[in-house]
Amino acid sequence: MKRAFLLVAALTLVLAVAATAVAATKVYYETPFGKVVYKPKRIEFSDTTLSKIHWRHWNRKIARGNGRARINTCNPNCAAGAIVHGTAKLAMFKRHTQNGKRFYGCLTGKMTASGHVYRVEWPPACNH
């Protein structure tokens, strides 16, 4: 009986340490231009800049962020497009391991500026 109790206690300790190690693993994000960052405060695309991003649930299965958006409407084309400012709601998901580091593989978001809704998705066709 005493031996079974010690075995259960040891197994519980091992599982607790393993769970803590998994939870403590940092998850990174590779920006569209190849920079690897942890909890990015700013993400730049060719026609959109997301800044002042504050993240919730980072390192978990899905990280959610809120920030500001600067968008080139590219209407009629990007050279003549208007620049509008608004807010952004983001989600990062599809964690994977690459070269011994954990990464979020997908970013999607909705930006609201001047009464219009714009969507962002990186990489393209990365569905939730």
N, C-alpha and C. Protein backbone atom coordinates (compact mmCIF):
# COMPACT_ATOMS: atom_id res chain seq x y z
N MET A 1 0.82 -1.18 0.00
CA MET A 1 0.00 0.00 0.00
C MET A 1 0.87 1.25 0.00
N LYS A 2 1.90 1.24 0.86
CA LYS A 2 2.80 2.38 0.96
C LYS A 2 3.58 2.55 -0.35
N ARG A 3 3.96 1.42 -0.96
CA ARG A 3 4.70 1.46 -2.21
C ARG A 3 3.82 2.03 -3.34
N ALA A 4 2.56 1.65 -3.39
CA ALA A 4 1.63 2.17 -4.40
C ALA A 4 1.43 3.67 -4.23
N PHE A 5 1.34 4.13 -2.99
CA PHE A 5 1.18 5.56 -2.71
C PHE A 5 2.40 6.34 -3.20
N LEU A 6 3.60 5.81 -2.94
CA LEU A 6 4.82 6.48 -3.38
C LEU A 6 4.90 6.52 -4.91
N LEU A 7 4.48 5.45 -5.55
CA LEU A 7 4.47 5.40 -7.00
C LEU A 7 3.51 6.44 -7.58
N VAL A 8 2.32 6.55 -7.01
CA VAL A 8 1.34 7.53 -7.47
C VAL A 8 1.85 8.94 -7.22
N ALA A 9 2.46 9.19 -6.07
CA ALA A 9 3.00 10.51 -5.75
C ALA A 9 4.12 10.89 -6.72
N ALA A 10 5.00 9.96 -7.04
CA ALA A 10 6.09 10.22 -7.97
C ALA A 10 5.55 10.50 -9.37
N LEU A 11 4.57 9.74 -9.79
CA LEU A 11 3.97 9.94 -11.11
C LEU A 11 3.28 11.30 -11.18
N THR A 12 2.59 11.70 -10.14
CA THR A 12 1.93 12.99 -10.09
C THR A 12 2.95 14.12 -10.19
N LEU A 13 4.07 13.97 -9.49
CA LEU A 13 5.13 14.98 -9.54
C LEU A 13 5.71 15.10 -10.95
N VAL A 14 5.97 13.97 -11.59
CA VAL A 14 6.51 13.99 -12.94
C VAL A 14 5.53 14.66 -13.91
N LEU A 15 4.25 14.35 -13.80
CA LEU A 15 3.25 14.97 -14.67
C LEU A 15 3.14 16.46 -14.43
N ALA A 16 3.22 16.89 -13.18
CA ALA A 16 3.15 18.31 -12.85
C ALA A 16 4.35 19.06 -13.43
N VAL A 17 5.53 18.50 -13.34
CA VAL A 17 6.73 19.13 -13.88
C VAL A 17 6.64 19.19 -15.41
N ALA A 18 6.16 18.13 -16.03
CA ALA A 18 6.03 18.11 -17.49
C ALA A 18 5.01 19.14 -17.96
N ALA A 19 3.89 19.26 -17.25
CA ALA A 19 2.86 20.23 -17.62
C ALA A 19 3.39 21.65 -17.48
N THR A 20 4.17 21.91 -16.45
CA THR A 20 4.75 23.23 -16.26
C THR A 20 5.76 23.54 -17.36
N ALA A 21 6.54 22.58 -17.74
CA ALA A 21 7.54 22.78 -18.80
C ALA A 21 6.86 23.09 -20.13
N VAL A 22 5.76 22.41 -20.43
CA VAL A 22 5.04 22.66 -21.67
C VAL A 22 4.40 24.04 -21.62
N ALA A 23 3.81 24.41 -20.49
CA ALA A 23 3.16 25.71 -20.37
C ALA A 23 4.17 26.85 -20.43
N ALA A 24 5.40 26.62 -20.01
CA ALA A 24 6.41 27.66 -19.97
C ALA A 24 7.12 27.84 -21.31
N THR A 25 6.86 27.01 -22.29
CA THR A 25 7.50 27.10 -23.58
C THR A 25 7.06 28.38 -24.30
N LYS A 26 8.01 29.17 -24.71
CA LYS A 26 7.71 30.40 -25.43
C LYS A 26 7.28 30.07 -26.85
N VAL A 27 6.29 30.80 -27.33
CA VAL A 27 5.84 30.65 -28.71
C VAL A 27 6.16 31.95 -29.44
N TYR A 28 6.83 31.84 -30.57
CA TYR A 28 7.27 32.99 -31.35
C TYR A 28 6.39 33.17 -32.58
N TYR A 29 6.62 34.28 -33.27
CA TYR A 29 5.91 34.55 -34.52
C TYR A 29 6.92 35.08 -35.53
N GLU A 30 6.85 34.57 -36.74
CA GLU A 30 7.70 35.07 -37.82
C GLU A 30 6.89 36.05 -38.65
N THR A 31 7.33 37.31 -38.66
CA THR A 31 6.61 38.37 -39.37
C THR A 31 6.65 38.14 -40.88
N PRO A 32 5.81 38.84 -41.64
CA PRO A 32 5.80 38.66 -43.10
C PRO A 32 7.16 38.91 -43.77
N PHE A 33 8.03 39.70 -43.14
CA PHE A 33 9.33 39.97 -43.74
C PHE A 33 10.45 39.16 -43.08
N GLY A 34 10.07 38.09 -42.32
CA GLY A 34 11.05 37.12 -41.84
C GLY A 34 11.67 37.37 -40.48
N LYS A 35 11.25 38.38 -39.74
CA LYS A 35 11.79 38.64 -38.41
C LYS A 35 11.07 37.76 -37.39
N VAL A 36 11.84 37.07 -36.54
CA VAL A 36 11.26 36.22 -35.50
C VAL A 36 11.13 37.04 -34.22
N VAL A 37 9.90 37.12 -33.69
CA VAL A 37 9.66 37.94 -32.50
C VAL A 37 8.78 37.18 -31.51
N TYR A 38 8.88 37.60 -30.26
CA TYR A 38 8.03 37.08 -29.19
C TYR A 38 7.07 38.19 -28.82
N LYS A 39 5.78 37.93 -28.88
CA LYS A 39 4.74 38.92 -28.58
C LYS A 39 4.97 40.23 -29.32
N PRO A 40 4.84 40.22 -30.63
CA PRO A 40 5.14 41.43 -31.41
C PRO A 40 4.23 42.59 -31.05
N LYS A 41 4.81 43.76 -30.90
CA LYS A 41 4.06 45.00 -30.65
C LYS A 41 3.71 45.68 -31.96
N ARG A 42 4.44 45.31 -33.03
CA ARG A 42 4.23 45.94 -34.34
C ARG A 42 4.44 44.87 -35.41
N ILE A 43 3.51 44.82 -36.38
CA ILE A 43 3.62 43.91 -37.51
C ILE A 43 3.35 44.72 -38.77
N GLU A 44 4.26 44.64 -39.72
CA GLU A 44 4.13 45.41 -40.96
C GLU A 44 3.88 44.49 -42.15
N PHE A 45 2.94 44.91 -42.99
CA PHE A 45 2.66 44.29 -44.27
C PHE A 45 2.96 45.34 -45.33
N SER A 46 2.82 45.04 -46.59
CA SER A 46 3.13 46.02 -47.62
C SER A 46 2.17 47.21 -47.60
N ASP A 47 0.91 47.00 -47.27
CA ASP A 47 -0.07 48.10 -47.28
C ASP A 47 -0.73 48.35 -45.92
N THR A 48 -0.31 47.65 -44.89
CA THR A 48 -0.93 47.76 -43.56
C THR A 48 0.16 47.66 -42.49
N THR A 49 0.00 48.49 -41.47
CA THR A 49 0.88 48.40 -40.31
C THR A 49 0.00 48.27 -39.08
N LEU A 50 0.26 47.22 -38.29
CA LEU A 50 -0.44 47.00 -37.03
C LEU A 50 0.53 47.41 -35.92
N SER A 51 0.09 48.26 -35.00
CA SER A 51 0.99 48.74 -33.96
C SER A 51 0.28 48.78 -32.61
N LYS A 52 1.07 49.03 -31.57
CA LYS A 52 0.57 49.09 -30.19
C LYS A 52 -0.29 47.88 -29.86
N ILE A 53 0.18 46.70 -30.27
CA ILE A 53 -0.57 45.47 -30.07
C ILE A 53 -0.38 44.96 -28.64
N HIS A 54 -1.47 44.67 -27.99
CA HIS A 54 -1.47 44.07 -26.66
C HIS A 54 -2.08 42.68 -26.79
N TRP A 55 -1.37 41.66 -26.31
CA TRP A 55 -1.78 40.26 -26.49
C TRP A 55 -2.36 39.67 -25.21
N ARG A 56 -3.34 38.80 -25.37
CA ARG A 56 -3.89 37.97 -24.29
C ARG A 56 -3.69 36.52 -24.69
N HIS A 57 -3.47 35.68 -23.73
CA HIS A 57 -3.36 34.23 -23.94
C HIS A 57 -2.17 33.84 -24.83
N TRP A 58 -1.12 34.65 -24.82
CA TRP A 58 0.07 34.31 -25.61
C TRP A 58 0.66 33.02 -25.05
N ASN A 59 1.22 32.19 -25.85
CA ASN A 59 1.77 30.86 -25.57
C ASN A 59 0.69 29.79 -25.52
N ARG A 60 -0.55 30.15 -25.56
CA ARG A 60 -1.63 29.15 -25.58
C ARG A 60 -1.98 28.79 -27.02
N LYS A 61 -2.97 27.94 -27.17
CA LYS A 61 -3.36 27.45 -28.49
C LYS A 61 -3.75 28.61 -29.42
N ILE A 62 -4.50 29.58 -28.90
CA ILE A 62 -4.89 30.76 -29.68
C ILE A 62 -4.53 32.00 -28.87
N ALA A 63 -3.76 32.91 -29.46
CA ALA A 63 -3.43 34.19 -28.83
C ALA A 63 -4.32 35.25 -29.48
N ARG A 64 -4.83 36.16 -28.67
CA ARG A 64 -5.70 37.23 -29.17
C ARG A 64 -5.06 38.58 -28.85
N GLY A 65 -5.15 39.50 -29.82
CA GLY A 65 -4.53 40.80 -29.64
C GLY A 65 -5.42 41.92 -30.11
N ASN A 66 -5.19 43.09 -29.54
CA ASN A 66 -5.87 44.33 -29.94
C ASN A 66 -4.80 45.37 -30.18
N GLY A 67 -5.03 46.21 -31.17
CA GLY A 67 -4.06 47.26 -31.46
C GLY A 67 -4.61 48.28 -32.42
N ARG A 68 -3.69 49.05 -32.98
CA ARG A 68 -4.04 50.09 -33.94
C ARG A 68 -3.65 49.63 -35.34
N ALA A 69 -4.37 50.16 -36.33
CA ALA A 69 -4.10 49.80 -37.73
C ALA A 69 -3.91 51.06 -38.56
N ARG A 70 -2.92 51.02 -39.43
CA ARG A 70 -2.70 52.06 -40.45
C ARG A 70 -2.81 51.35 -41.78
N ILE A 71 -3.80 51.71 -42.57
CA ILE A 71 -4.12 50.96 -43.78
C ILE A 71 -4.06 51.87 -45.01
N ASN A 72 -3.37 51.39 -46.04
CA ASN A 72 -3.42 52.03 -47.35
C ASN A 72 -4.55 51.35 -48.09
N THR A 73 -5.59 52.10 -48.45
CA THR A 73 -6.78 51.50 -49.07
C THR A 73 -6.50 50.96 -50.48
N CYS A 74 -5.39 51.41 -51.09
CA CYS A 74 -5.02 50.96 -52.45
C CYS A 74 -6.16 51.16 -53.45
N ASN A 75 -6.90 52.24 -53.28
CA ASN A 75 -8.03 52.53 -54.16
C ASN A 75 -7.82 53.88 -54.81
N PRO A 76 -7.63 54.04 -56.06
CA PRO A 76 -7.76 53.09 -57.16
C PRO A 76 -6.55 52.17 -57.30
N ASN A 77 -5.39 52.60 -56.78
CA ASN A 77 -4.21 51.74 -56.74
C ASN A 77 -3.42 52.13 -55.50
N CYS A 78 -2.42 51.34 -55.14
CA CYS A 78 -1.70 51.58 -53.88
C CYS A 78 -0.94 52.90 -53.88
N ALA A 79 -0.45 53.33 -55.04
CA ALA A 79 0.28 54.59 -55.10
C ALA A 79 -0.64 55.78 -54.83
N ALA A 80 -1.90 55.68 -55.22
CA ALA A 80 -2.84 56.78 -55.05
C ALA A 80 -3.85 56.51 -53.94
N GLY A 81 -3.68 55.44 -53.19
CA GLY A 81 -4.64 55.08 -52.14
C GLY A 81 -4.58 56.01 -50.95
N ALA A 82 -5.69 56.10 -50.26
CA ALA A 82 -5.78 56.92 -49.04
C ALA A 82 -5.24 56.12 -47.86
N ILE A 83 -4.65 56.83 -46.90
CA ILE A 83 -4.20 56.21 -45.65
C ILE A 83 -5.28 56.45 -44.61
N VAL A 84 -5.79 55.37 -44.01
CA VAL A 84 -6.81 55.48 -42.96
C VAL A 84 -6.27 54.80 -41.70
N HIS A 85 -6.75 55.28 -40.56
CA HIS A 85 -6.32 54.74 -39.26
C HIS A 85 -7.53 54.17 -38.54
N GLY A 86 -7.31 53.08 -37.80
CA GLY A 86 -8.41 52.46 -37.07
C GLY A 86 -7.90 51.48 -36.03
N THR A 87 -8.76 50.55 -35.66
CA THR A 87 -8.43 49.55 -34.65
C THR A 87 -8.32 48.18 -35.29
N ALA A 88 -7.64 47.28 -34.58
CA ALA A 88 -7.44 45.92 -35.09
C ALA A 88 -7.70 44.91 -33.98
N LYS A 89 -8.34 43.81 -34.34
CA LYS A 89 -8.51 42.65 -33.46
C LYS A 89 -7.88 41.48 -34.18
N LEU A 90 -6.93 40.80 -33.50
CA LEU A 90 -6.12 39.78 -34.14
C LEU A 90 -6.21 38.45 -33.41
N ALA A 91 -5.90 37.38 -34.13
CA ALA A 91 -5.79 36.05 -33.54
C ALA A 91 -4.60 35.34 -34.19
N MET A 92 -3.81 34.66 -33.38
CA MET A 92 -2.71 33.82 -33.88
C MET A 92 -2.97 32.40 -33.43
N PHE A 93 -2.71 31.45 -34.32
CA PHE A 93 -3.01 30.05 -34.02
C PHE A 93 -2.16 29.15 -34.90
N LYS A 94 -2.45 27.86 -34.90
CA LYS A 94 -1.69 26.81 -35.61
C LYS A 94 -0.22 26.78 -35.15
N ARG A 95 -0.04 26.47 -33.87
CA ARG A 95 1.32 26.36 -33.33
C ARG A 95 2.03 25.16 -33.92
N HIS A 96 3.32 25.30 -34.14
CA HIS A 96 4.15 24.21 -34.64
C HIS A 96 5.58 24.43 -34.16
N THR A 97 6.39 23.39 -34.25
CA THR A 97 7.78 23.48 -33.84
C THR A 97 8.66 23.52 -35.08
N GLN A 98 9.63 24.45 -35.05
CA GLN A 98 10.54 24.62 -36.17
C GLN A 98 11.92 24.94 -35.60
N ASN A 99 12.89 24.14 -35.90
CA ASN A 99 14.27 24.31 -35.39
C ASN A 99 14.30 24.42 -33.86
N GLY A 100 13.49 23.62 -33.19
CA GLY A 100 13.49 23.59 -31.74
C GLY A 100 12.72 24.70 -31.07
N LYS A 101 12.08 25.60 -31.83
CA LYS A 101 11.27 26.69 -31.27
C LYS A 101 9.82 26.50 -31.66
N ARG A 102 8.93 26.97 -30.79
CA ARG A 102 7.49 26.93 -31.08
C ARG A 102 7.11 28.23 -31.79
N PHE A 103 6.27 28.11 -32.82
CA PHE A 103 5.83 29.27 -33.59
C PHE A 103 4.32 29.22 -33.78
N TYR A 104 3.70 30.39 -33.86
CA TYR A 104 2.34 30.49 -34.37
C TYR A 104 2.47 30.53 -35.88
N GLY A 105 1.67 29.72 -36.57
CA GLY A 105 1.77 29.65 -38.02
C GLY A 105 0.81 30.54 -38.76
N CYS A 106 -0.25 31.01 -38.09
CA CYS A 106 -1.27 31.80 -38.78
C CYS A 106 -1.66 33.04 -37.98
N LEU A 107 -1.93 34.11 -38.71
CA LEU A 107 -2.45 35.34 -38.13
C LEU A 107 -3.67 35.75 -38.94
N THR A 108 -4.77 35.99 -38.28
CA THR A 108 -5.95 36.55 -38.94
C THR A 108 -6.42 37.72 -38.12
N GLY A 109 -7.14 38.63 -38.75
CA GLY A 109 -7.62 39.78 -38.00
C GLY A 109 -8.64 40.58 -38.78
N LYS A 110 -9.31 41.44 -38.01
CA LYS A 110 -10.30 42.34 -38.56
C LYS A 110 -9.93 43.74 -38.12
N MET A 111 -9.84 44.64 -39.09
CA MET A 111 -9.50 46.03 -38.80
C MET A 111 -10.69 46.90 -39.19
N THR A 112 -10.98 47.87 -38.36
CA THR A 112 -12.07 48.79 -38.62
C THR A 112 -11.49 50.19 -38.72
N ALA A 113 -11.76 50.86 -39.86
CA ALA A 113 -11.26 52.22 -40.07
C ALA A 113 -12.23 52.97 -40.97
N SER A 114 -12.57 54.18 -40.58
CA SER A 114 -13.45 55.05 -41.37
C SER A 114 -14.75 54.35 -41.77
N GLY A 115 -15.30 53.55 -40.87
CA GLY A 115 -16.56 52.87 -41.13
C GLY A 115 -16.47 51.64 -42.00
N HIS A 116 -15.29 51.27 -42.42
CA HIS A 116 -15.10 50.09 -43.26
C HIS A 116 -14.38 49.00 -42.48
N VAL A 117 -14.63 47.76 -42.85
CA VAL A 117 -13.96 46.62 -42.23
C VAL A 117 -12.97 46.04 -43.23
N TYR A 118 -11.75 45.88 -42.79
CA TYR A 118 -10.68 45.29 -43.60
C TYR A 118 -10.22 44.02 -42.90
N ARG A 119 -9.82 43.04 -43.66
CA ARG A 119 -9.35 41.77 -43.09
C ARG A 119 -7.88 41.57 -43.39
N VAL A 120 -7.21 40.91 -42.46
CA VAL A 120 -5.81 40.56 -42.66
C VAL A 120 -5.67 39.07 -42.40
N GLU A 121 -4.83 38.41 -43.19
CA GLU A 121 -4.60 36.98 -43.02
C GLU A 121 -3.18 36.69 -43.49
N TRP A 122 -2.38 36.11 -42.61
CA TRP A 122 -1.00 35.79 -42.98
C TRP A 122 -0.61 34.44 -42.44
N PRO A 123 -0.05 33.55 -43.22
CA PRO A 123 0.11 33.67 -44.67
C PRO A 123 -1.24 33.59 -45.37
N PRO A 124 -1.28 34.00 -46.64
CA PRO A 124 -2.54 33.94 -47.38
C PRO A 124 -3.16 32.54 -47.35
N ALA A 125 -4.45 32.49 -47.28
CA ALA A 125 -5.23 31.23 -47.25
C ALA A 125 -4.99 30.44 -45.97
N CYS A 126 -4.66 31.11 -44.88
CA CYS A 126 -4.45 30.45 -43.60
C CYS A 126 -5.77 30.52 -42.84
N ASN A 127 -6.61 29.53 -43.04
CA ASN A 127 -7.96 29.55 -42.47
C ASN A 127 -7.96 29.10 -41.03
N HIS A 128 -8.86 29.65 -40.26
CA HIS A 128 -9.02 29.33 -38.84
C HIS A 128 -9.80 28.09 -38.68
